[in-house]
Amino acid sequence: MADKFGIDVSYHQGTIDWERAAKKIDFAVIRAGYCEYSGSLVVDKQFTANMDSAAKAGVPVGAYIFSYAKTASAGTIAAQEAAKALSGYALSLPVFFDMEDSSAVAYSGMGKSENAAIANAFLAAIQEAGYTPGFYSYKSFLENSIGDIVGGTDIWVAQWGNSCTYKGDYAIWQNSATGSVDGISGAVDTNICTKEYGNAAKPSTPADPPKVDPDKADADFIEYRVVKNDTLTGIAAKHGVPLSLVIKANPQIKNPNLIYVGDIVRIPCKL
């Protein structure tokens, strides 16, 4: 496949004209936010606007979480909260864990195994939530400051310049922090993707379903397809069915707090 050109953005880019940007880029990785020492996610100020507008413009997207996590348990929490924030959005690219030295956390002084434990906790949890796991850092960090990470993780390496000399396998190369793209005021990170990612499913938006009258239902169950902003509690309420019965009817849903656009939920008709 031919290499693809993309950007990664956050609130630093302000309001983006995604319709204009879409004519110049093949993909975007959007910051969902950053995780605190404990793993709690602070959502990026432009996350919702960027995700909604990029989807409307037809731009394939992934997401990233900047890390301040200091323990493996914090990494798990960060992934769980990221999955909640991303629920309802269709991603074509991975969810990346951005781990690098900062004024708040000097990961390079913590040791390879400790850093790998934090990263692996996030990557395993985000994969369990149904997303492709990804890991971002700059070349020297990847080479010197982290041990082995979860197999199957897509690497996104930063090395600004005309070539990437990282010897490991990588899916995306961030080649500049001073790029220029139509529709974005000021500088933006630019990237080259060397891996083929499939197209994300487009969420549908059917009207709210009517409440089910158990006395008139002809079948034991009806099937409902999850759309953007749905929750299992809300789906149960829309259909007038107790949440406990919806959970019981859907053993494939391992975590009732995590459902995804396109999932099929069985709704009991006969209580």
C-alpha atoms as a PDB file:
ATOM      1  CA  MET A   1       0.000   0.000   0.000  1.00  0.00           C
ATOM      2  CA  ALA A   2       1.033   3.595  -0.485  1.00  0.00           C
ATOM      3  CA  ASP A   3       2.012   5.456   2.669  1.00  0.00           C
ATOM      4  CA  LYS A   4      -0.735   7.664   4.056  1.00  0.00           C
ATOM      5  CA  PHE A   5      -0.428  11.198   5.403  1.00  0.00           C
ATOM      6  CA  GLY A   6      -2.122  12.218   8.634  1.00  0.00           C
ATOM      7  CA  ILE A   7      -2.114  14.513  11.633  1.00  0.00           C
ATOM      8  CA  ASP A   8      -2.509  14.269  15.387  1.00  0.00           C
ATOM      9  CA  VAL A   9      -4.412  17.016  17.173  1.00  0.00           C
ATOM     10  CA  SER A  10      -5.582  18.254  20.549  1.00  0.00           C
ATOM     11  CA  TYR A  11      -7.031  21.433  22.025  1.00  0.00           C
ATOM     12  CA  HIS A  12      -3.749  23.125  21.110  1.00  0.00           C
ATOM     13  CA  GLN A  13      -4.979  23.321  17.501  1.00  0.00           C
ATOM     14  CA  GLY A  14      -8.147  25.129  18.544  1.00  0.00           C
ATOM     15  CA  THR A  15     -11.202  24.854  16.315  1.00  0.00           C
ATOM     16  CA  ILE A  16     -10.387  22.853  13.193  1.00  0.00           C
ATOM     17  CA  ASP A  17     -12.188  23.166   9.878  1.00  0.00           C
ATOM     18  CA  TRP A  18     -12.374  19.433   9.305  1.00  0.00           C
ATOM     19  CA  GLU A  19     -14.094  19.733   5.925  1.00  0.00           C
ATOM     20  CA  ARG A  20     -11.058  21.614   4.593  1.00  0.00           C
ATOM     21  CA  ALA A  21      -8.533  19.416   6.404  1.00  0.00           C
ATOM     22  CA  ALA A  22     -10.196  16.262   5.067  1.00  0.00           C
ATOM     23  CA  LYS A  23      -9.119  17.218   1.542  1.00  0.00           C
ATOM     24  CA  LYS A  24      -5.448  17.156   2.579  1.00  0.00           C
ATOM     25  CA  ILE A  25      -5.163  14.235   5.008  1.00  0.00           C
ATOM     26  CA  ASP A  26      -5.810  10.506   5.019  1.00  0.00           C
ATOM     27  CA  PHE A  27      -6.289  10.068   8.767  1.00  0.00           C
ATOM     28  CA  ALA A  28      -6.098  11.776  12.158  1.00  0.00           C
ATOM     29  CA  VAL A  29      -5.231  10.697  15.688  1.00  0.00           C
ATOM     30  CA  ILE A  30      -7.245  12.760  18.166  1.00  0.00           C
ATOM     31  CA  ARG A  31      -6.310  13.316  21.799  1.00  0.00           C
ATOM     32  CA  ALA A  32      -9.004  11.944  24.084  1.00  0.00           C
ATOM     33  CA  GLY A  33      -7.288  13.543  27.067  1.00  0.00           C
ATOM     34  CA  TYR A  34      -4.636  12.804  29.649  1.00  0.00           C
ATOM     35  CA  CYS A  35      -4.618  10.432  32.589  1.00  0.00           C
ATOM     36  CA  GLU A  36      -3.548  11.634  36.016  1.00  0.00           C
ATOM     37  CA  TYR A  37      -1.154   9.834  38.391  1.00  0.00           C
ATOM     38  CA  SER A  38      -4.080   7.669  39.566  1.00  0.00           C
ATOM     39  CA  GLY A  39      -5.257   6.919  36.025  1.00  0.00           C
ATOM     40  CA  SER A  40      -8.315   9.200  36.094  1.00  0.00           C
ATOM     41  CA  LEU A  41      -8.964  10.633  32.649  1.00  0.00           C
ATOM     42  CA  VAL A  42      -9.199  14.376  32.059  1.00  0.00           C
ATOM     43  CA  VAL A  43     -10.946  14.743  28.705  1.00  0.00           C
ATOM     44  CA  ASP A  44      -9.387  17.047  26.111  1.00  0.00           C
ATOM     45  CA  LYS A  45     -11.327  20.304  25.674  1.00  0.00           C
ATOM     46  CA  GLN A  46     -11.726  19.746  21.933  1.00  0.00           C
ATOM     47  CA  PHE A  47     -12.207  15.968  22.026  1.00  0.00           C
ATOM     48  CA  THR A  48     -15.941  15.847  21.347  1.00  0.00           C
ATOM     49  CA  ALA A  49     -15.842  18.599  18.718  1.00  0.00           C
ATOM     50  CA  ASN A  50     -12.890  16.972  16.945  1.00  0.00           C
ATOM     51  CA  MET A  51     -14.379  13.480  16.972  1.00  0.00           C
ATOM     52  CA  ASP A  52     -17.807  14.611  15.791  1.00  0.00           C
ATOM     53  CA  SER A  53     -16.497  16.942  13.082  1.00  0.00           C
ATOM     54  CA  ALA A  54     -13.863  14.488  11.817  1.00  0.00           C
ATOM     55  CA  ALA A  55     -16.521  11.791  11.510  1.00  0.00           C
ATOM     56  CA  LYS A  56     -18.846  14.164   9.661  1.00  0.00           C
ATOM     57  CA  ALA A  57     -16.012  15.027   7.253  1.00  0.00           C
ATOM     58  CA  GLY A  58     -15.276  11.334   6.672  1.00  0.00           C
ATOM     59  CA  VAL A  59     -11.786  11.343   8.173  1.00  0.00           C
ATOM     60  CA  PRO A  60     -10.641   7.943   9.561  1.00  0.00           C
ATOM     61  CA  VAL A  61      -9.535   8.463  13.158  1.00  0.00           C
ATOM     62  CA  GLY A  62      -7.688   6.924  16.060  1.00  0.00           C
ATOM     63  CA  ALA A  63      -7.238   8.337  19.551  1.00  0.00           C
ATOM     64  CA  TYR A  64      -4.472   8.854  22.074  1.00  0.00           C
ATOM     65  CA  ILE A  65      -4.192   9.346  25.819  1.00  0.00           C
ATOM     66  CA  PHE A  66      -1.241  11.266  27.231  1.00  0.00           C
ATOM     67  CA  SER A  67       0.045   9.511  30.342  1.00  0.00           C
ATOM     68  CA  TYR A  68       0.965  10.733  33.792  1.00  0.00           C
ATOM     69  CA  ALA A  69       0.111   7.314  35.244  1.00  0.00           C
ATOM     70  CA  LYS A  70       2.569   6.125  37.879  1.00  0.00           C
ATOM     71  CA  THR A  71       1.406   2.560  38.509  1.00  0.00           C
ATOM     72  CA  ALA A  72       0.089  -0.416  36.569  1.00  0.00           C
ATOM     73  CA  SER A  73      -3.296  -0.089  38.286  1.00  0.00           C
ATOM     74  CA  ALA A  74      -3.424   3.512  37.070  1.00  0.00           C
ATOM     75  CA  GLY A  75      -2.779   2.263  33.544  1.00  0.00           C
ATOM     76  CA  THR A  76      -5.785  -0.054  33.811  1.00  0.00           C
ATOM     77  CA  ILE A  77      -8.008   2.729  35.124  1.00  0.00           C
ATOM     78  CA  ALA A  78      -6.881   5.026  32.315  1.00  0.00           C
ATOM     79  CA  ALA A  79      -7.853   2.446  29.699  1.00  0.00           C
ATOM     80  CA  GLN A  80     -11.247   1.819  31.289  1.00  0.00           C
ATOM     81  CA  GLU A  81     -12.035   5.531  31.401  1.00  0.00           C
ATOM     82  CA  ALA A  82     -10.745   6.033  27.867  1.00  0.00           C
ATOM     83  CA  ALA A  83     -13.035   3.263  26.635  1.00  0.00           C
ATOM     84  CA  LYS A  84     -16.004   5.026  28.230  1.00  0.00           C
ATOM     85  CA  ALA A  85     -15.056   8.339  26.615  1.00  0.00           C
ATOM     86  CA  LEU A  86     -14.657   6.656  23.212  1.00  0.00           C
ATOM     87  CA  SER A  87     -17.834   4.594  23.420  1.00  0.00           C
ATOM     88  CA  GLY A  88     -20.142   5.644  20.616  1.00  0.00           C
ATOM     89  CA  TYR A  89     -17.357   6.610  18.232  1.00  0.00           C
ATOM     90  CA  ALA A  90     -16.160   4.455  15.358  1.00  0.00           C
ATOM     91  CA  LEU A  91     -12.356   4.210  15.238  1.00  0.00           C
ATOM     92  CA  SER A  92     -10.354   3.060  12.232  1.00  0.00           C
ATOM     93  CA  LEU A  93      -6.963   3.374  13.941  1.00  0.00           C
ATOM     94  CA  PRO A  94      -5.773   2.222  17.385  1.00  0.00           C
ATOM     95  CA  VAL A  95      -6.106   3.824  20.793  1.00  0.00           C
ATOM     96  CA  PHE A  96      -2.551   4.904  21.611  1.00  0.00           C
ATOM     97  CA  PHE A  97      -0.963   5.233  25.042  1.00  0.00           C
ATOM     98  CA  ASP A  98       1.348   8.256  24.873  1.00  0.00           C
ATOM     99  CA  MET A  99       4.202   7.727  27.322  1.00  0.00           C
ATOM    100  CA  GLU A 100       7.111  10.183  27.416  1.00  0.00           C
ATOM    101  CA  ASP A 101       9.090  12.235  29.904  1.00  0.00           C
ATOM    102  CA  SER A 102       7.363  15.400  31.089  1.00  0.00           C
ATOM    103  CA  SER A 103       7.748  18.008  33.804  1.00  0.00           C
ATOM    104  CA  ALA A 104       5.370  15.942  35.940  1.00  0.00           C
ATOM    105  CA  VAL A 105       6.727  12.426  35.391  1.00  0.00           C
ATOM    106  CA  ALA A 106      10.272  11.450  34.389  1.00  0.00           C
ATOM    107  CA  TYR A 107       9.583   7.939  33.112  1.00  0.00           C
ATOM    108  CA  SER A 108      13.156   7.490  31.952  1.00  0.00           C
ATOM    109  CA  GLY A 109      14.207   7.484  35.603  1.00  0.00           C
ATOM    110  CA  MET A 110      11.669   4.837  36.637  1.00  0.00           C
ATOM    111  CA  GLY A 111      13.134   1.823  34.855  1.00  0.00           C
ATOM    112  CA  LYS A 112      12.174  -0.229  31.827  1.00  0.00           C
ATOM    113  CA  SER A 113      10.196  -2.886  33.661  1.00  0.00           C
ATOM    114  CA  GLU A 114       8.161  -0.409  35.694  1.00  0.00           C
ATOM    115  CA  ASN A 115       7.313   1.607  32.583  1.00  0.00           C
ATOM    116  CA  ALA A 116       6.393  -1.541  30.688  1.00  0.00           C
ATOM    117  CA  ALA A 117       4.076  -2.610  33.501  1.00  0.00           C
ATOM    118  CA  ILE A 118       2.187   0.692  33.309  1.00  0.00           C
ATOM    119  CA  ALA A 119       1.955   0.587  29.528  1.00  0.00           C
ATOM    120  CA  ASN A 120       0.991  -3.077  29.366  1.00  0.00           C
ATOM    121  CA  ALA A 121      -1.796  -2.597  31.898  1.00  0.00           C
ATOM    122  CA  PHE A 122      -3.307   0.103  29.695  1.00  0.00           C
ATOM    123  CA  LEU A 123      -2.790  -1.824  26.460  1.00  0.00           C
ATOM    124  CA  ALA A 124      -4.283  -5.048  27.793  1.00  0.00           C
ATOM    125  CA  ALA A 125      -7.320  -3.259  29.200  1.00  0.00           C
ATOM    126  CA  ILE A 126      -7.966  -1.217  26.050  1.00  0.00           C
ATOM    127  CA  GLN A 127      -7.684  -4.376  23.952  1.00  0.00           C
ATOM    128  CA  GLU A 128     -10.121  -6.151  26.263  1.00  0.00           C
ATOM    129  CA  ALA A 129     -12.526  -3.261  25.704  1.00  0.00           C
ATOM    130  CA  GLY A 130     -12.469  -4.028  21.991  1.00  0.00           C
ATOM    131  CA  TYR A 131      -9.951  -1.510  20.649  1.00  0.00           C
ATOM    132  CA  THR A 132      -6.694  -2.039  18.792  1.00  0.00           C
ATOM    133  CA  PRO A 133      -3.899  -1.174  21.263  1.00  0.00           C
ATOM    134  CA  GLY A 134      -1.216   1.311  20.276  1.00  0.00           C
ATOM    135  CA  PHE A 135       1.837   2.813  21.959  1.00  0.00           C
ATOM    136  CA  TYR A 136       3.389   6.200  21.215  1.00  0.00           C
ATOM    137  CA  SER A 137       6.740   7.624  22.197  1.00  0.00           C
ATOM    138  CA  TYR A 138       9.868   9.096  20.691  1.00  0.00           C
ATOM    139  CA  LYS A 139      12.678   6.965  19.291  1.00  0.00           C
ATOM    140  CA  SER A 140      15.116   7.177  22.225  1.00  0.00           C
ATOM    141  CA  PHE A 141      12.390   6.344  24.754  1.00  0.00           C
ATOM    142  CA  LEU A 142      11.333   3.283  22.789  1.00  0.00           C
ATOM    143  CA  GLU A 143      14.932   2.142  22.554  1.00  0.00           C
ATOM    144  CA  ASN A 144      16.130   2.904  26.081  1.00  0.00           C
ATOM    145  CA  SER A 145      13.304   3.477  28.552  1.00  0.00           C
ATOM    146  CA  ILE A 146      10.712   0.723  28.193  1.00  0.00           C
ATOM    147  CA  GLY A 147      10.771  -3.058  28.222  1.00  0.00           C
ATOM    148  CA  ASP A 148       8.684  -5.458  26.159  1.00  0.00           C
ATOM    149  CA  ILE A 149       5.113  -4.393  25.618  1.00  0.00           C
ATOM    150  CA  VAL A 150       1.956  -6.336  24.807  1.00  0.00           C
ATOM    151  CA  GLY A 151       2.230  -8.354  21.614  1.00  0.00           C
ATOM    152  CA  GLY A 152       0.159  -7.066  18.718  1.00  0.00           C
ATOM    153  CA  THR A 153       0.513  -3.452  19.845  1.00  0.00           C
ATOM    154  CA  ASP A 154       0.944  -0.971  17.012  1.00  0.00           C
ATOM    155  CA  ILE A 155       3.893   1.350  17.542  1.00  0.00           C
ATOM    156  CA  TRP A 156       3.727   5.045  16.739  1.00  0.00           C
ATOM    157  CA  VAL A 157       7.226   6.511  16.827  1.00  0.00           C
ATOM    158  CA  ALA A 158       8.218  10.177  16.897  1.00  0.00           C
ATOM    159  CA  GLN A 159      11.409  11.178  15.150  1.00  0.00           C
ATOM    160  CA  TRP A 160      11.228  14.563  13.506  1.00  0.00           C
ATOM    161  CA  GLY A 161      13.192  14.807  10.288  1.00  0.00           C
ATOM    162  CA  ASN A 162      13.468  13.336   6.822  1.00  0.00           C
ATOM    163  CA  SER A 163      13.804   9.699   7.855  1.00  0.00           C
ATOM    164  CA  CYS A 164      12.969   7.311  10.673  1.00  0.00           C
ATOM    165  CA  THR A 165      15.885   5.270  11.981  1.00  0.00           C
ATOM    166  CA  TYR A 166      13.969   3.325  14.632  1.00  0.00           C
ATOM    167  CA  LYS A 167      14.868  -0.331  14.051  1.00  0.00           C
ATOM    168  CA  GLY A 168      11.728  -1.869  15.484  1.00  0.00           C
ATOM    169  CA  ASP A 169       8.456  -2.429  13.663  1.00  0.00           C
ATOM    170  CA  TYR A 170       6.150   0.568  13.623  1.00  0.00           C
ATOM    171  CA  ALA A 171       2.811   1.479  12.068  1.00  0.00           C
ATOM    172  CA  ILE A 172       3.015   5.272  12.166  1.00  0.00           C
ATOM    173  CA  TRP A 173       5.942   7.671  12.045  1.00  0.00           C
ATOM    174  CA  GLN A 174       5.470  11.191  13.431  1.00  0.00           C
ATOM    175  CA  ASN A 175       7.882  13.137  11.262  1.00  0.00           C
ATOM    176  CA  SER A 176       7.217  16.760  12.253  1.00  0.00           C
ATOM    177  CA  ALA A 177       5.745  19.014  14.930  1.00  0.00           C
ATOM    178  CA  THR A 178       5.667  22.057  12.679  1.00  0.00           C
ATOM    179  CA  GLY A 179       3.483  20.917   9.817  1.00  0.00           C
ATOM    180  CA  SER A 180       0.883  22.995   8.036  1.00  0.00           C
ATOM    181  CA  VAL A 181      -2.510  21.693   6.928  1.00  0.00           C
ATOM    182  CA  ASP A 182      -5.401  23.573   5.379  1.00  0.00           C
ATOM    183  CA  GLY A 183      -8.153  24.135   7.931  1.00  0.00           C
ATOM    184  CA  ILE A 184      -5.805  24.341  10.917  1.00  0.00           C
ATOM    185  CA  SER A 185      -4.403  27.607  12.255  1.00  0.00           C
ATOM    186  CA  GLY A 186      -0.769  27.279  13.272  1.00  0.00           C
ATOM    187  CA  ALA A 187       1.519  24.288  13.448  1.00  0.00           C
ATOM    188  CA  VAL A 188       0.326  20.694  13.643  1.00  0.00           C
ATOM    189  CA  ASP A 189       2.074  17.332  14.069  1.00  0.00           C
ATOM    190  CA  THR A 190       2.278  15.371  10.820  1.00  0.00           C
ATOM    191  CA  ASN A 191       2.563  11.625  10.396  1.00  0.00           C
ATOM    192  CA  ILE A 192       3.207   8.894   7.841  1.00  0.00           C
ATOM    193  CA  CYS A 193       1.240   5.662   8.231  1.00  0.00           C
ATOM    194  CA  THR A 194       2.729   2.519   6.711  1.00  0.00           C
ATOM    195  CA  LYS A 195       0.000   0.105   7.842  1.00  0.00           C
ATOM    196  CA  GLU A 196      -3.349  -0.533   6.215  1.00  0.00           C
ATOM    197  CA  TYR A 197      -6.260   0.056   8.583  1.00  0.00           C
ATOM    198  CA  GLY A 198      -9.816  -0.922   7.756  1.00  0.00           C
ATOM    199  CA  ASN A 199     -12.695   1.514   7.534  1.00  0.00           C
ATOM    200  CA  ALA A 200     -14.695   2.128  10.671  1.00  0.00           C
ATOM    201  CA  ALA A 201     -18.359   1.236  10.701  1.00  0.00           C
ATOM    202  CA  LYS A 202     -20.684   4.205  10.391  1.00  0.00           C
ATOM    203  CA  PRO A 203     -23.067   4.467  13.377  1.00  0.00           C
ATOM    204  CA  SER A 204     -26.733   4.493  12.493  1.00  0.00           C
ATOM    205  CA  THR A 205     -29.269   6.770  14.155  1.00  0.00           C
ATOM    206  CA  PRO A 206     -32.714   5.156  14.213  1.00  0.00           C
ATOM    207  CA  ALA A 207     -35.566   6.766  16.096  1.00  0.00           C
ATOM    208  CA  ASP A 208     -36.123   5.868  19.730  1.00  0.00           C
ATOM    209  CA  PRO A 209     -37.881   2.481  19.917  1.00  0.00           C
ATOM    210  CA  PRO A 210     -41.333   2.234  21.464  1.00  0.00           C
ATOM    211  CA  LYS A 211     -41.791   0.623  24.854  1.00  0.00           C
ATOM    212  CA  VAL A 212     -42.496  -3.071  24.695  1.00  0.00           C
ATOM    213  CA  ASP A 213     -45.875  -4.324  25.881  1.00  0.00           C
ATOM    214  CA  PRO A 214     -45.081  -7.816  27.234  1.00  0.00           C
ATOM    215  CA  ASP A 215     -48.728  -8.921  26.836  1.00  0.00           C
ATOM    216  CA  LYS A 216     -48.681  -8.137  23.108  1.00  0.00           C
ATOM    217  CA  ALA A 217     -45.215  -9.304  22.178  1.00  0.00           C
ATOM    218  CA  ASP A 218     -45.069 -12.184  19.708  1.00  0.00           C
ATOM    219  CA  ALA A 219     -41.421 -13.138  20.417  1.00  0.00           C
ATOM    220  CA  ASP A 220     -39.305 -13.722  23.490  1.00  0.00           C
ATOM    221  CA  PHE A 221     -36.799 -11.071  22.446  1.00  0.00           C
ATOM    222  CA  ILE A 222     -36.316  -8.184  20.079  1.00  0.00           C
ATOM    223  CA  GLU A 223     -32.910  -7.028  18.892  1.00  0.00           C
ATOM    224  CA  TYR A 224     -31.704  -3.453  19.274  1.00  0.00           C
ATOM    225  CA  ARG A 225     -28.603  -2.015  17.569  1.00  0.00           C
ATOM    226  CA  VAL A 226     -26.571   0.342  19.763  1.00  0.00           C
ATOM    227  CA  VAL A 227     -26.177   3.920  18.480  1.00  0.00           C
ATOM    228  CA  LYS A 228     -24.078   6.880  19.595  1.00  0.00           C
ATOM    229  CA  ASN A 229     -24.584   7.961  23.251  1.00  0.00           C
ATOM    230  CA  ASP A 230     -26.533   4.823  24.182  1.00  0.00           C
ATOM    231  CA  THR A 231     -26.093   3.237  27.594  1.00  0.00           C
ATOM    232  CA  LEU A 232     -27.488  -0.096  28.714  1.00  0.00           C
ATOM    233  CA  THR A 233     -29.502   1.686  31.392  1.00  0.00           C
ATOM    234  CA  GLY A 234     -30.960   4.051  28.806  1.00  0.00           C
ATOM    235  CA  ILE A 235     -31.797   1.228  26.394  1.00  0.00           C
ATOM    236  CA  ALA A 236     -33.610  -0.652  29.156  1.00  0.00           C
ATOM    237  CA  ALA A 237     -35.579   2.483  30.089  1.00  0.00           C
ATOM    238  CA  LYS A 238     -36.535   3.181  26.444  1.00  0.00           C
ATOM    239  CA  HIS A 239     -38.027  -0.284  26.175  1.00  0.00           C
ATOM    240  CA  GLY A 240     -39.654  -0.254  29.610  1.00  0.00           C
ATOM    241  CA  VAL A 241     -37.697  -3.338  30.701  1.00  0.00           C
ATOM    242  CA  PRO A 242     -35.788  -3.693  33.995  1.00  0.00           C
ATOM    243  CA  LEU A 243     -32.040  -3.294  33.532  1.00  0.00           C
ATOM    244  CA  SER A 244     -31.384  -6.543  35.411  1.00  0.00           C
ATOM    245  CA  LEU A 245     -33.348  -8.508  32.796  1.00  0.00           C
ATOM    246  CA  VAL A 246     -31.518  -6.843  29.915  1.00  0.00           C
ATOM    247  CA  ILE A 247     -28.185  -7.740  31.519  1.00  0.00           C
ATOM    248  CA  LYS A 248     -29.355 -11.324  32.054  1.00  0.00           C
ATOM    249  CA  ALA A 249     -30.445 -11.605  28.411  1.00  0.00           C
ATOM    250  CA  ASN A 250     -27.053 -10.460  27.135  1.00  0.00           C
ATOM    251  CA  PRO A 251     -24.303 -12.622  28.671  1.00  0.00           C
ATOM    252  CA  GLN A 252     -21.959 -11.509  25.862  1.00  0.00           C
ATOM    253  CA  ILE A 253     -21.772  -8.063  27.513  1.00  0.00           C
ATOM    254  CA  LYS A 254     -19.022  -8.563  30.069  1.00  0.00           C
ATOM    255  CA  ASN A 255     -19.148  -5.012  31.438  1.00  0.00           C
ATOM    256  CA  PRO A 256     -22.614  -3.335  31.482  1.00  0.00           C
ATOM    257  CA  ASN A 257     -20.884   0.052  31.513  1.00  0.00           C
ATOM    258  CA  LEU A 258     -19.156  -0.612  28.174  1.00  0.00           C
ATOM    259  CA  ILE A 259     -21.270  -1.016  25.040  1.00  0.00           C
ATOM    260  CA  TYR A 260     -20.309   0.032  21.545  1.00  0.00           C
ATOM    261  CA  VAL A 261     -21.960   1.459  18.458  1.00  0.00           C
ATOM    262  CA  GLY A 262     -23.222  -1.384  16.274  1.00  0.00           C
ATOM    263  CA  ASP A 263     -23.535  -3.927  19.121  1.00  0.00           C
ATOM    264  CA  ILE A 264     -26.767  -5.937  19.173  1.00  0.00           C
ATOM    265  CA  VAL A 265     -28.615  -5.947  22.508  1.00  0.00           C
ATOM    266  CA  ARG A 266     -31.383  -8.488  23.110  1.00  0.00           C
ATOM    267  CA  ILE A 267     -34.437  -6.964  24.807  1.00  0.00           C
ATOM    268  CA  PRO A 268     -36.808  -9.370  26.618  1.00  0.00           C
ATOM    269  CA  CYS A 269     -40.381  -8.985  25.398  1.00  0.00           C
ATOM    270  CA  LYS A 270     -42.016 -11.477  27.755  1.00  0.00           C
ATOM    271  CA  LEU A 271     -41.219 -10.658  31.368  1.00  0.00           C
END
